[in-house]
Amino acid sequence: MLGKRVEVTAVRANGETFPAEMAMVINQQRGAPVLTFFVRDISQRKQAEREQARFAEELQRSNRELEQFAYVASHDLQEPLRKIRTFADRLEMKCGEALDETGSECLNRMQDAAARMQTLINDLLMLSRVTTKGQEFVPVDLTRIAQEVVSDLEVQIEQAGGQVEVGKLPTIQADPLQIRQLLQNLIGNALKFHREDEPPMVKIHGRFVRGRRHRRAGESPAEEKCRIVVEDNGIGFDEKYLDRIFDVFQRLHSRDVYRGTGVGLAICRKIAERHGGTVTAESTLGKGSTFTVVLPVVHHKETR
């Protein structure tokens, strides 16, 4: 107990008890050992800890309710939407030639709206499942995942006349499907938001924040992190909107100009947070953007 601090229950002069921290040291006085006790009132600290625990519990409950709402609402919307799309397709097939120009335009708009709604539902389901349906963390070769994502986006790359360069990336412990989704969203966005006068050029690379050889003395391997960077030469954005772009349904551009639901970057942030990491961006309007993801290299316990 010597030299150590322990939490005890102390009693004031008026008989009131309070949480305290006590330490004991031993000294020598005239050749005899003398014990000295130090007692510090930690009432305010314990109250703050209780408040923090309560807020954390409320936040977890709120997140669970939000995830459940998104999941249930999305599923409940699937069936009526499926009927709308089915009957719209049937109307086009059986009566399309009989419709005048106005009728055809209305039908096309209805089909487009239903398709956008389906995409939105799918994105909401994906967002709600980041924490509820995630897989266990396993070793993931980020270079291989990035190359596979580029292969999956081959059509989009060709349509934009662009190029994606995959540099060397480390291997980390992660959920492989979610890491694939994160990279697909970031690379896909870089291709989509390109300038009209210049084909998109996207570069993805990464490294350990501090190499394993430069680990500080006493630092646990669990504290190692890696940095993943996705750079593009696209339209960029004003950095005053940095916080906004990672929120659900937040868009900086009209849907008529750039299609999308405004959920993609929110999913990226949710995935990064589930892995105990962060995602942020730097950009200059008209000169491209750089998205940076920082993730732990290993996980002894899954972060939720």
C-alpha atoms as a PDB file:
ATOM      1  CA  MET A   1       0.000   0.000   0.000  1.00  0.00           C
ATOM      2  CA  LEU A   2       2.982   2.292   0.526  1.00  0.00           C
ATOM      3  CA  GLY A   3       3.211   4.893  -2.218  1.00  0.00           C
ATOM      4  CA  LYS A   4      -0.068   3.751  -3.784  1.00  0.00           C
ATOM      5  CA  ARG A   5      -3.296   5.674  -3.934  1.00  0.00           C
ATOM      6  CA  VAL A   6      -6.473   3.890  -2.914  1.00  0.00           C
ATOM      7  CA  GLU A   7     -10.064   5.036  -2.866  1.00  0.00           C
ATOM      8  CA  VAL A   8     -11.724   4.996   0.530  1.00  0.00           C
ATOM      9  CA  THR A   9     -14.838   6.351   2.206  1.00  0.00           C
ATOM     10  CA  ALA A  10     -13.930   9.133   4.621  1.00  0.00           C
ATOM     11  CA  VAL A  11     -15.993  10.834   7.326  1.00  0.00           C
ATOM     12  CA  ARG A  12     -16.215  14.563   7.884  1.00  0.00           C
ATOM     13  CA  ALA A  13     -16.331  16.172  11.284  1.00  0.00           C
ATOM     14  CA  ASN A  14     -20.123  16.430  11.033  1.00  0.00           C
ATOM     15  CA  GLY A  15     -20.440  12.698  10.377  1.00  0.00           C
ATOM     16  CA  GLU A  16     -21.032  13.029   6.612  1.00  0.00           C
ATOM     17  CA  THR A  17     -19.245  10.444   4.490  1.00  0.00           C
ATOM     18  CA  PHE A  18     -17.509  11.295   1.221  1.00  0.00           C
ATOM     19  CA  PRO A  19     -15.327   9.500  -1.353  1.00  0.00           C
ATOM     20  CA  ALA A  20     -11.644  10.145  -0.863  1.00  0.00           C
ATOM     21  CA  GLU A  21      -8.275   9.104  -2.188  1.00  0.00           C
ATOM     22  CA  MET A  22      -5.705   8.074   0.387  1.00  0.00           C
ATOM     23  CA  ALA A  23      -1.970   7.591   0.083  1.00  0.00           C
ATOM     24  CA  MET A  24       0.480   6.443   2.733  1.00  0.00           C
ATOM     25  CA  VAL A  25       4.182   7.190   2.890  1.00  0.00           C
ATOM     26  CA  ILE A  26       6.806   6.209   5.468  1.00  0.00           C
ATOM     27  CA  ASN A  27       9.530   8.520   6.739  1.00  0.00           C
ATOM     28  CA  GLN A  28      12.184   8.405   9.386  1.00  0.00           C
ATOM     29  CA  GLN A  29      12.145  10.737  12.357  1.00  0.00           C
ATOM     30  CA  ARG A  30      14.877  10.376  14.999  1.00  0.00           C
ATOM     31  CA  GLY A  31      15.599   6.921  13.671  1.00  0.00           C
ATOM     32  CA  ALA A  32      12.028   5.715  14.057  1.00  0.00           C
ATOM     33  CA  PRO A  33       9.611   4.997  11.179  1.00  0.00           C
ATOM     34  CA  VAL A  34       6.697   7.414  10.874  1.00  0.00           C
ATOM     35  CA  LEU A  35       3.638   6.737   8.745  1.00  0.00           C
ATOM     36  CA  THR A  36       1.982   9.719   7.100  1.00  0.00           C
ATOM     37  CA  PHE A  37      -1.477   9.498   5.499  1.00  0.00           C
ATOM     38  CA  PHE A  38      -2.691  11.920   2.837  1.00  0.00           C
ATOM     39  CA  VAL A  39      -6.439  12.102   2.194  1.00  0.00           C
ATOM     40  CA  ARG A  40      -7.920  14.035  -0.733  1.00  0.00           C
ATOM     41  CA  ASP A  41     -11.614  14.683  -1.325  1.00  0.00           C
ATOM     42  CA  ILE A  42     -12.574  13.312  -4.760  1.00  0.00           C
ATOM     43  CA  SER A  43     -16.323  13.975  -4.568  1.00  0.00           C
ATOM     44  CA  GLN A  44     -16.353  16.206  -7.628  1.00  0.00           C
ATOM     45  CA  ARG A  45     -14.316  13.703  -9.673  1.00  0.00           C
ATOM     46  CA  LYS A  46     -16.600  10.814  -8.748  1.00  0.00           C
ATOM     47  CA  GLN A  47     -19.640  12.924  -9.612  1.00  0.00           C
ATOM     48  CA  ALA A  48     -18.121  13.767 -12.998  1.00  0.00           C
ATOM     49  CA  GLU A  49     -17.379  10.080 -13.605  1.00  0.00           C
ATOM     50  CA  ARG A  50     -20.985   9.168 -12.800  1.00  0.00           C
ATOM     51  CA  GLU A  51     -22.254  11.860 -15.157  1.00  0.00           C
ATOM     52  CA  GLN A  52     -19.900  10.690 -17.897  1.00  0.00           C
ATOM     53  CA  ALA A  53     -21.032   7.077 -17.458  1.00  0.00           C
ATOM     54  CA  ARG A  54     -24.680   8.169 -17.571  1.00  0.00           C
ATOM     55  CA  PHE A  55     -24.150  10.204 -20.737  1.00  0.00           C
ATOM     56  CA  ALA A  56     -22.274   7.298 -22.351  1.00  0.00           C
ATOM     57  CA  GLU A  57     -25.110   4.912 -21.488  1.00  0.00           C
ATOM     58  CA  GLU A  58     -27.713   7.331 -22.872  1.00  0.00           C
ATOM     59  CA  LEU A  59     -25.659   7.776 -26.047  1.00  0.00           C
ATOM     60  CA  GLN A  60     -25.394   4.022 -26.547  1.00  0.00           C
ATOM     61  CA  ARG A  61     -29.125   3.645 -26.008  1.00  0.00           C
ATOM     62  CA  SER A  62     -29.849   6.477 -28.441  1.00  0.00           C
ATOM     63  CA  ASN A  63     -27.561   4.917 -31.052  1.00  0.00           C
ATOM     64  CA  ARG A  64     -29.225   1.528 -30.642  1.00  0.00           C
ATOM     65  CA  GLU A  65     -32.665   3.075 -31.054  1.00  0.00           C
ATOM     66  CA  LEU A  66     -31.521   5.020 -34.115  1.00  0.00           C
ATOM     67  CA  GLU A  67     -30.013   1.907 -35.702  1.00  0.00           C
ATOM     68  CA  GLN A  68     -33.165  -0.093 -34.967  1.00  0.00           C
ATOM     69  CA  PHE A  69     -35.366   2.666 -36.366  1.00  0.00           C
ATOM     70  CA  ALA A  70     -33.337   2.922 -39.569  1.00  0.00           C
ATOM     71  CA  TYR A  71     -33.357  -0.845 -40.022  1.00  0.00           C
ATOM     72  CA  VAL A  72     -37.102  -1.308 -39.340  1.00  0.00           C
ATOM     73  CA  ALA A  73     -38.144   1.781 -41.299  1.00  0.00           C
ATOM     74  CA  SER A  74     -36.075   0.720 -44.288  1.00  0.00           C
ATOM     75  CA  HIS A  75     -37.556  -2.783 -44.255  1.00  0.00           C
ATOM     76  CA  ASP A  76     -41.096  -1.420 -43.909  1.00  0.00           C
ATOM     77  CA  LEU A  77     -40.491   0.820 -46.914  1.00  0.00           C
ATOM     78  CA  GLN A  78     -39.207  -2.011 -49.094  1.00  0.00           C
ATOM     79  CA  GLU A  79     -42.544  -3.688 -49.820  1.00  0.00           C
ATOM     80  CA  PRO A  80     -44.605  -0.642 -50.974  1.00  0.00           C
ATOM     81  CA  LEU A  81     -41.629   0.558 -52.996  1.00  0.00           C
ATOM     82  CA  ARG A  82     -41.312  -2.840 -54.647  1.00  0.00           C
ATOM     83  CA  LYS A  83     -44.978  -2.628 -55.673  1.00  0.00           C
ATOM     84  CA  ILE A  84     -44.531   0.875 -57.091  1.00  0.00           C
ATOM     85  CA  ARG A  85     -41.599  -0.281 -59.228  1.00  0.00           C
ATOM     86  CA  THR A  86     -43.398  -3.470 -60.307  1.00  0.00           C
ATOM     87  CA  PHE A  87     -46.571  -1.699 -61.416  1.00  0.00           C
ATOM     88  CA  ALA A  88     -44.605   1.105 -63.081  1.00  0.00           C
ATOM     89  CA  ASP A  89     -42.643  -1.462 -65.110  1.00  0.00           C
ATOM     90  CA  ARG A  90     -45.867  -3.321 -65.950  1.00  0.00           C
ATOM     91  CA  LEU A  91     -47.526  -0.072 -67.053  1.00  0.00           C
ATOM     92  CA  GLU A  92     -44.583   0.727 -69.314  1.00  0.00           C
ATOM     93  CA  MET A  93     -44.575  -2.748 -70.824  1.00  0.00           C
ATOM     94  CA  LYS A  94     -48.330  -3.016 -71.492  1.00  0.00           C
ATOM     95  CA  CYS A  95     -49.362   0.571 -72.044  1.00  0.00           C
ATOM     96  CA  GLY A  96     -46.155   2.402 -72.900  1.00  0.00           C
ATOM     97  CA  GLU A  97     -46.986   2.828 -76.591  1.00  0.00           C
ATOM     98  CA  ALA A  98     -50.444   4.167 -75.760  1.00  0.00           C
ATOM     99  CA  LEU A  99     -49.107   6.942 -73.522  1.00  0.00           C
ATOM    100  CA  ASP A 100     -48.691  10.414 -74.932  1.00  0.00           C
ATOM    101  CA  GLU A 101     -45.581  12.494 -74.313  1.00  0.00           C
ATOM    102  CA  THR A 102     -46.853  13.828 -70.981  1.00  0.00           C
ATOM    103  CA  GLY A 103     -47.798  10.349 -69.780  1.00  0.00           C
ATOM    104  CA  SER A 104     -44.415   8.902 -70.754  1.00  0.00           C
ATOM    105  CA  GLU A 105     -42.604  11.711 -68.970  1.00  0.00           C
ATOM    106  CA  CYS A 106     -44.654  11.162 -65.798  1.00  0.00           C
ATOM    107  CA  LEU A 107     -43.955   7.432 -65.920  1.00  0.00           C
ATOM    108  CA  ASN A 108     -40.218   8.002 -66.365  1.00  0.00           C
ATOM    109  CA  ARG A 109     -40.151  10.422 -63.457  1.00  0.00           C
ATOM    110  CA  MET A 110     -41.982   7.912 -61.265  1.00  0.00           C
ATOM    111  CA  GLN A 111     -39.495   5.176 -62.159  1.00  0.00           C
ATOM    112  CA  ASP A 112     -36.532   7.482 -61.513  1.00  0.00           C
ATOM    113  CA  ALA A 113     -37.965   8.530 -58.142  1.00  0.00           C
ATOM    114  CA  ALA A 114     -38.552   4.911 -57.155  1.00  0.00           C
ATOM    115  CA  ALA A 115     -34.991   3.999 -58.155  1.00  0.00           C
ATOM    116  CA  ARG A 116     -33.596   6.869 -56.049  1.00  0.00           C
ATOM    117  CA  MET A 117     -35.748   5.752 -53.134  1.00  0.00           C
ATOM    118  CA  GLN A 118     -34.420   2.209 -53.440  1.00  0.00           C
ATOM    119  CA  THR A 119     -30.844   3.496 -53.402  1.00  0.00           C
ATOM    120  CA  LEU A 120     -31.592   5.628 -50.344  1.00  0.00           C
ATOM    121  CA  ILE A 121     -33.114   2.665 -48.478  1.00  0.00           C
ATOM    122  CA  ASN A 122     -30.110   0.500 -49.314  1.00  0.00           C
ATOM    123  CA  ASP A 123     -27.736   3.205 -48.058  1.00  0.00           C
ATOM    124  CA  LEU A 124     -29.734   3.605 -44.828  1.00  0.00           C
ATOM    125  CA  LEU A 125     -29.641  -0.141 -44.269  1.00  0.00           C
ATOM    126  CA  MET A 126     -25.893  -0.151 -44.848  1.00  0.00           C
ATOM    127  CA  LEU A 127     -25.423   2.708 -42.382  1.00  0.00           C
ATOM    128  CA  SER A 128     -27.515   0.980 -39.701  1.00  0.00           C
ATOM    129  CA  ARG A 129     -25.633  -2.282 -40.166  1.00  0.00           C
ATOM    130  CA  VAL A 130     -22.130  -0.870 -39.690  1.00  0.00           C
ATOM    131  CA  THR A 131     -22.242  -1.646 -35.966  1.00  0.00           C
ATOM    132  CA  THR A 132     -25.020  -4.239 -35.805  1.00  0.00           C
ATOM    133  CA  LYS A 133     -23.919  -6.540 -38.646  1.00  0.00           C
ATOM    134  CA  GLY A 134     -20.166  -6.055 -38.648  1.00  0.00           C
ATOM    135  CA  GLN A 135     -17.791  -8.991 -39.002  1.00  0.00           C
ATOM    136  CA  GLU A 136     -14.896  -9.849 -36.720  1.00  0.00           C
ATOM    137  CA  PHE A 137     -11.571  -8.108 -37.273  1.00  0.00           C
ATOM    138  CA  VAL A 138      -9.033 -10.183 -39.193  1.00  0.00           C
ATOM    139  CA  PRO A 139      -5.750  -9.358 -40.988  1.00  0.00           C
ATOM    140  CA  VAL A 140      -6.620  -7.303 -44.073  1.00  0.00           C
ATOM    141  CA  ASP A 141      -4.209  -6.533 -46.914  1.00  0.00           C
ATOM    142  CA  LEU A 142      -5.264  -2.983 -47.772  1.00  0.00           C
ATOM    143  CA  THR A 143      -3.351  -3.029 -51.068  1.00  0.00           C
ATOM    144  CA  ARG A 144      -5.275  -6.061 -52.291  1.00  0.00           C
ATOM    145  CA  ILE A 145      -8.609  -4.621 -51.120  1.00  0.00           C
ATOM    146  CA  ALA A 146      -7.909  -1.314 -52.887  1.00  0.00           C
ATOM    147  CA  GLN A 147      -6.960  -3.095 -56.123  1.00  0.00           C
ATOM    148  CA  GLU A 148     -10.161  -5.142 -56.000  1.00  0.00           C
ATOM    149  CA  VAL A 149     -12.212  -1.974 -55.448  1.00  0.00           C
ATOM    150  CA  VAL A 150     -10.567  -0.348 -58.473  1.00  0.00           C
ATOM    151  CA  SER A 151     -11.412  -3.438 -60.517  1.00  0.00           C
ATOM    152  CA  ASP A 152     -15.049  -3.231 -59.368  1.00  0.00           C
ATOM    153  CA  LEU A 153     -15.158   0.454 -60.396  1.00  0.00           C
ATOM    154  CA  GLU A 154     -13.662  -0.239 -63.831  1.00  0.00           C
ATOM    155  CA  VAL A 155     -16.797   0.854 -65.726  1.00  0.00           C
ATOM    156  CA  GLN A 156     -17.068   4.113 -63.776  1.00  0.00           C
ATOM    157  CA  ILE A 157     -13.370   4.805 -64.348  1.00  0.00           C
ATOM    158  CA  GLU A 158     -13.711   4.226 -68.100  1.00  0.00           C
ATOM    159  CA  GLN A 159     -16.838   6.378 -68.361  1.00  0.00           C
ATOM    160  CA  ALA A 160     -15.054   9.248 -66.624  1.00  0.00           C
ATOM    161  CA  GLY A 161     -11.880   8.709 -68.677  1.00  0.00           C
ATOM    162  CA  GLY A 162      -9.997   8.618 -65.403  1.00  0.00           C
ATOM    163  CA  GLN A 163      -7.154   6.780 -63.748  1.00  0.00           C
ATOM    164  CA  VAL A 164      -6.675   5.337 -60.268  1.00  0.00           C
ATOM    165  CA  GLU A 165      -3.197   4.656 -58.906  1.00  0.00           C
ATOM    166  CA  VAL A 166      -2.898   2.276 -55.950  1.00  0.00           C
ATOM    167  CA  GLY A 167       0.320   2.655 -54.006  1.00  0.00           C
ATOM    168  CA  LYS A 168       1.660   0.444 -51.263  1.00  0.00           C
ATOM    169  CA  LEU A 169      -0.670   0.034 -48.304  1.00  0.00           C
ATOM    170  CA  PRO A 170      -0.105  -1.807 -45.006  1.00  0.00           C
ATOM    171  CA  THR A 171      -1.870  -4.857 -43.600  1.00  0.00           C
ATOM    172  CA  ILE A 172      -4.042  -4.220 -40.540  1.00  0.00           C
ATOM    173  CA  GLN A 173      -6.678  -5.964 -38.468  1.00  0.00           C
ATOM    174  CA  ALA A 174     -10.117  -4.882 -39.664  1.00  0.00           C
ATOM    175  CA  ASP A 175     -13.521  -5.909 -40.968  1.00  0.00           C
ATOM    176  CA  PRO A 176     -12.690  -6.688 -44.634  1.00  0.00           C
ATOM    177  CA  LEU A 177     -16.161  -5.977 -46.020  1.00  0.00           C
ATOM    178  CA  GLN A 178     -16.416  -2.631 -44.268  1.00  0.00           C
ATOM    179  CA  ILE A 179     -12.917  -1.588 -45.314  1.00  0.00           C
ATOM    180  CA  ARG A 180     -13.877  -2.451 -48.887  1.00  0.00           C
ATOM    181  CA  GLN A 181     -17.000  -0.292 -48.551  1.00  0.00           C
ATOM    182  CA  LEU A 182     -14.999   2.593 -47.086  1.00  0.00           C
ATOM    183  CA  LEU A 183     -12.464   2.568 -49.920  1.00  0.00           C
ATOM    184  CA  GLN A 184     -15.173   2.116 -52.550  1.00  0.00           C
ATOM    185  CA  ASN A 185     -17.057   5.162 -51.247  1.00  0.00           C
ATOM    186  CA  LEU A 186     -13.942   7.347 -51.126  1.00  0.00           C
ATOM    187  CA  ILE A 187     -12.612   6.312 -54.542  1.00  0.00           C
ATOM    188  CA  GLY A 188     -16.091   6.412 -56.079  1.00  0.00           C
ATOM    189  CA  ASN A 189     -16.610   9.957 -54.784  1.00  0.00           C
ATOM    190  CA  ALA A 190     -13.233  11.034 -56.154  1.00  0.00           C
ATOM    191  CA  LEU A 191     -14.268   9.769 -59.592  1.00  0.00           C
ATOM    192  CA  LYS A 192     -17.736  11.283 -59.437  1.00  0.00           C
ATOM    193  CA  PHE A 193     -16.785  14.789 -58.350  1.00  0.00           C
ATOM    194  CA  HIS A 194     -14.293  15.467 -61.136  1.00  0.00           C
ATOM    195  CA  ARG A 195     -13.817  18.628 -63.179  1.00  0.00           C
ATOM    196  CA  GLU A 196     -15.359  18.746 -66.645  1.00  0.00           C
ATOM    197  CA  ASP A 197     -12.166  20.061 -68.222  1.00  0.00           C
ATOM    198  CA  GLU A 198      -9.849  17.407 -66.779  1.00  0.00           C
ATOM    199  CA  PRO A 199     -10.162  13.620 -66.413  1.00  0.00           C
ATOM    200  CA  PRO A 200     -10.107  12.392 -62.815  1.00  0.00           C
ATOM    201  CA  MET A 201      -6.800  11.245 -61.347  1.00  0.00           C
ATOM    202  CA  VAL A 202      -7.106   9.416 -58.042  1.00  0.00           C
ATOM    203  CA  LYS A 203      -4.172   8.268 -55.915  1.00  0.00           C
ATOM    204  CA  ILE A 204      -4.455   6.019 -52.883  1.00  0.00           C
ATOM    205  CA  HIS A 205      -1.549   5.213 -50.615  1.00  0.00           C
ATOM    206  CA  GLY A 206      -0.843   4.602 -46.947  1.00  0.00           C
ATOM    207  CA  ARG A 207       1.753   3.930 -44.293  1.00  0.00           C
ATOM    208  CA  PHE A 208       2.169   3.402 -40.589  1.00  0.00           C
ATOM    209  CA  VAL A 209       1.922   6.656 -38.673  1.00  0.00           C
ATOM    210  CA  ARG A 210       5.098   5.571 -36.891  1.00  0.00           C
ATOM    211  CA  GLY A 211       6.980   2.634 -38.324  1.00  0.00           C
ATOM    212  CA  ARG A 212       7.303  -0.444 -36.153  1.00  0.00           C
ATOM    213  CA  ARG A 213      11.028   0.275 -35.809  1.00  0.00           C
ATOM    214  CA  HIS A 214      10.250   3.681 -34.351  1.00  0.00           C
ATOM    215  CA  ARG A 215       7.832   2.511 -31.674  1.00  0.00           C
ATOM    216  CA  ARG A 216       8.378   4.438 -28.456  1.00  0.00           C
ATOM    217  CA  ALA A 217       9.716   2.617 -25.413  1.00  0.00           C
ATOM    218  CA  GLY A 218       6.898   0.980 -23.490  1.00  0.00           C
ATOM    219  CA  GLU A 219       4.382   1.627 -26.262  1.00  0.00           C
ATOM    220  CA  SER A 220       1.986  -1.234 -26.920  1.00  0.00           C
ATOM    221  CA  PRO A 221       1.609  -2.631 -30.463  1.00  0.00           C
ATOM    222  CA  ALA A 222      -2.109  -1.933 -30.004  1.00  0.00           C
ATOM    223  CA  GLU A 223      -1.302   1.795 -30.108  1.00  0.00           C
ATOM    224  CA  GLU A 224       0.157   1.623 -33.613  1.00  0.00           C
ATOM    225  CA  LYS A 225      -1.915   3.311 -36.300  1.00  0.00           C
ATOM    226  CA  CYS A 226      -1.855   3.520 -40.075  1.00  0.00           C
ATOM    227  CA  ARG A 227      -2.798   6.393 -42.346  1.00  0.00           C
ATOM    228  CA  ILE A 228      -4.737   5.795 -45.589  1.00  0.00           C
ATOM    229  CA  VAL A 229      -4.833   8.700 -48.041  1.00  0.00           C
ATOM    230  CA  VAL A 230      -7.116   9.134 -51.071  1.00  0.00           C
ATOM    231  CA  GLU A 231      -6.177  12.132 -53.247  1.00  0.00           C
ATOM    232  CA  ASP A 232      -7.971  13.496 -56.297  1.00  0.00           C
ATOM    233  CA  ASN A 233      -7.803  16.423 -58.710  1.00  0.00           C
ATOM    234  CA  GLY A 234     -11.549  17.027 -58.688  1.00  0.00           C
ATOM    235  CA  ILE A 235     -13.802  19.979 -57.990  1.00  0.00           C
ATOM    236  CA  GLY A 236     -12.909  20.124 -54.284  1.00  0.00           C
ATOM    237  CA  PHE A 237     -15.008  21.914 -51.677  1.00  0.00           C
ATOM    238  CA  ASP A 238     -14.842  24.835 -49.283  1.00  0.00           C
ATOM    239  CA  GLU A 239     -13.341  23.544 -46.022  1.00  0.00           C
ATOM    240  CA  LYS A 240     -15.910  25.484 -44.007  1.00  0.00           C
ATOM    241  CA  TYR A 241     -18.253  22.617 -44.922  1.00  0.00           C
ATOM    242  CA  LEU A 242     -15.834  19.949 -43.622  1.00  0.00           C
ATOM    243  CA  ASP A 243     -18.006  18.834 -40.694  1.00  0.00           C
ATOM    244  CA  ARG A 244     -21.121  18.876 -42.811  1.00  0.00           C
ATOM    245  CA  ILE A 245     -19.946  16.488 -45.539  1.00  0.00           C
ATOM    246  CA  PHE A 246     -19.723  13.561 -43.096  1.00  0.00           C
ATOM    247  CA  ASP A 247     -23.319  14.002 -41.859  1.00  0.00           C
ATOM    248  CA  VAL A 248     -26.204  11.896 -43.176  1.00  0.00           C
ATOM    249  CA  PHE A 249     -28.122  13.397 -46.145  1.00  0.00           C
ATOM    250  CA  GLN A 250     -25.805  16.403 -46.360  1.00  0.00           C
ATOM    251  CA  ARG A 251     -24.982  17.415 -49.927  1.00  0.00           C
ATOM    252  CA  LEU A 252     -22.951  20.335 -51.246  1.00  0.00           C
ATOM    253  CA  HIS A 253     -24.227  19.987 -54.809  1.00  0.00           C
ATOM    254  CA  SER A 254     -27.573  19.599 -56.513  1.00  0.00           C
ATOM    255  CA  ARG A 255     -28.770  16.051 -57.190  1.00  0.00           C
ATOM    256  CA  ASP A 256     -29.323  17.085 -60.811  1.00  0.00           C
ATOM    257  CA  VAL A 257     -25.590  17.727 -61.176  1.00  0.00           C
ATOM    258  CA  TYR A 258     -24.148  14.895 -59.060  1.00  0.00           C
ATOM    259  CA  ARG A 259     -26.342  11.923 -58.254  1.00  0.00           C
ATOM    260  CA  GLY A 260     -26.260  10.370 -54.809  1.00  0.00           C
ATOM    261  CA  THR A 261     -28.042  10.117 -51.467  1.00  0.00           C
ATOM    262  CA  GLY A 262     -25.635  11.998 -49.216  1.00  0.00           C
ATOM    263  CA  VAL A 263     -24.997   8.904 -47.081  1.00  0.00           C
ATOM    264  CA  GLY A 264     -21.675   7.640 -48.493  1.00  0.00           C
ATOM    265  CA  LEU A 265     -19.298   9.742 -46.377  1.00  0.00           C
ATOM    266  CA  ALA A 266     -21.457   9.205 -43.282  1.00  0.00           C
ATOM    267  CA  ILE A 267     -20.923   5.473 -43.799  1.00  0.00           C
ATOM    268  CA  CYS A 268     -17.167   6.072 -44.096  1.00  0.00           C
ATOM    269  CA  ARG A 269     -17.107   7.927 -40.781  1.00  0.00           C
ATOM    270  CA  LYS A 270     -19.232   5.236 -39.110  1.00  0.00           C
ATOM    271  CA  ILE A 271     -16.876   2.503 -40.347  1.00  0.00           C
ATOM    272  CA  ALA A 272     -13.792   4.430 -39.218  1.00  0.00           C
ATOM    273  CA  GLU A 273     -15.308   4.995 -35.767  1.00  0.00           C
ATOM    274  CA  ARG A 274     -16.248   1.332 -35.418  1.00  0.00           C
ATOM    275  CA  HIS A 275     -12.583   0.514 -36.051  1.00  0.00           C
ATOM    276  CA  GLY A 276     -11.481   3.029 -33.419  1.00  0.00           C
ATOM    277  CA  GLY A 277     -10.243   5.454 -36.077  1.00  0.00           C
ATOM    278  CA  THR A 278     -11.063   8.742 -37.755  1.00  0.00           C
ATOM    279  CA  VAL A 279     -11.643  10.151 -41.220  1.00  0.00           C
ATOM    280  CA  THR A 280     -11.162  13.749 -42.273  1.00  0.00           C
ATOM    281  CA  ALA A 281     -10.424  15.755 -45.407  1.00  0.00           C
ATOM    282  CA  GLU A 282      -8.485  18.701 -46.780  1.00  0.00           C
ATOM    283  CA  SER A 283      -9.581  20.522 -49.896  1.00  0.00           C
ATOM    284  CA  THR A 284      -9.334  23.635 -51.995  1.00  0.00           C
ATOM    285  CA  LEU A 285     -12.321  24.566 -54.113  1.00  0.00           C
ATOM    286  CA  GLY A 286     -11.541  23.731 -57.723  1.00  0.00           C
ATOM    287  CA  LYS A 287      -8.233  22.044 -56.943  1.00  0.00           C
ATOM    288  CA  GLY A 288      -9.104  18.624 -55.574  1.00  0.00           C
ATOM    289  CA  SER A 289      -9.474  16.936 -52.205  1.00  0.00           C
ATOM    290  CA  THR A 290      -7.470  14.671 -49.926  1.00  0.00           C
ATOM    291  CA  PHE A 291      -9.318  12.284 -47.609  1.00  0.00           C
ATOM    292  CA  THR A 292      -7.315  10.782 -44.756  1.00  0.00           C
ATOM    293  CA  VAL A 293      -8.342   7.749 -42.717  1.00  0.00           C
ATOM    294  CA  VAL A 294      -6.389   6.851 -39.567  1.00  0.00           C
ATOM    295  CA  LEU A 295      -7.010   3.351 -38.181  1.00  0.00           C
ATOM    296  CA  PRO A 296      -5.449   1.203 -35.463  1.00  0.00           C
ATOM    297  CA  VAL A 297      -3.179  -1.518 -36.822  1.00  0.00           C
ATOM    298  CA  VAL A 298      -4.286  -4.203 -34.345  1.00  0.00           C
ATOM    299  CA  HIS A 299      -7.313  -4.750 -32.134  1.00  0.00           C
ATOM    300  CA  HIS A 300      -7.281  -6.746 -28.936  1.00  0.00           C
ATOM    301  CA  LYS A 301     -10.946  -5.926 -28.486  1.00  0.00           C
ATOM    302  CA  GLU A 302     -13.430  -4.776 -31.102  1.00  0.00           C
ATOM    303  CA  THR A 303     -14.382  -1.111 -30.894  1.00  0.00           C
ATOM    304  CA  ARG A 304     -18.109  -0.489 -30.939  1.00  0.00           C
END
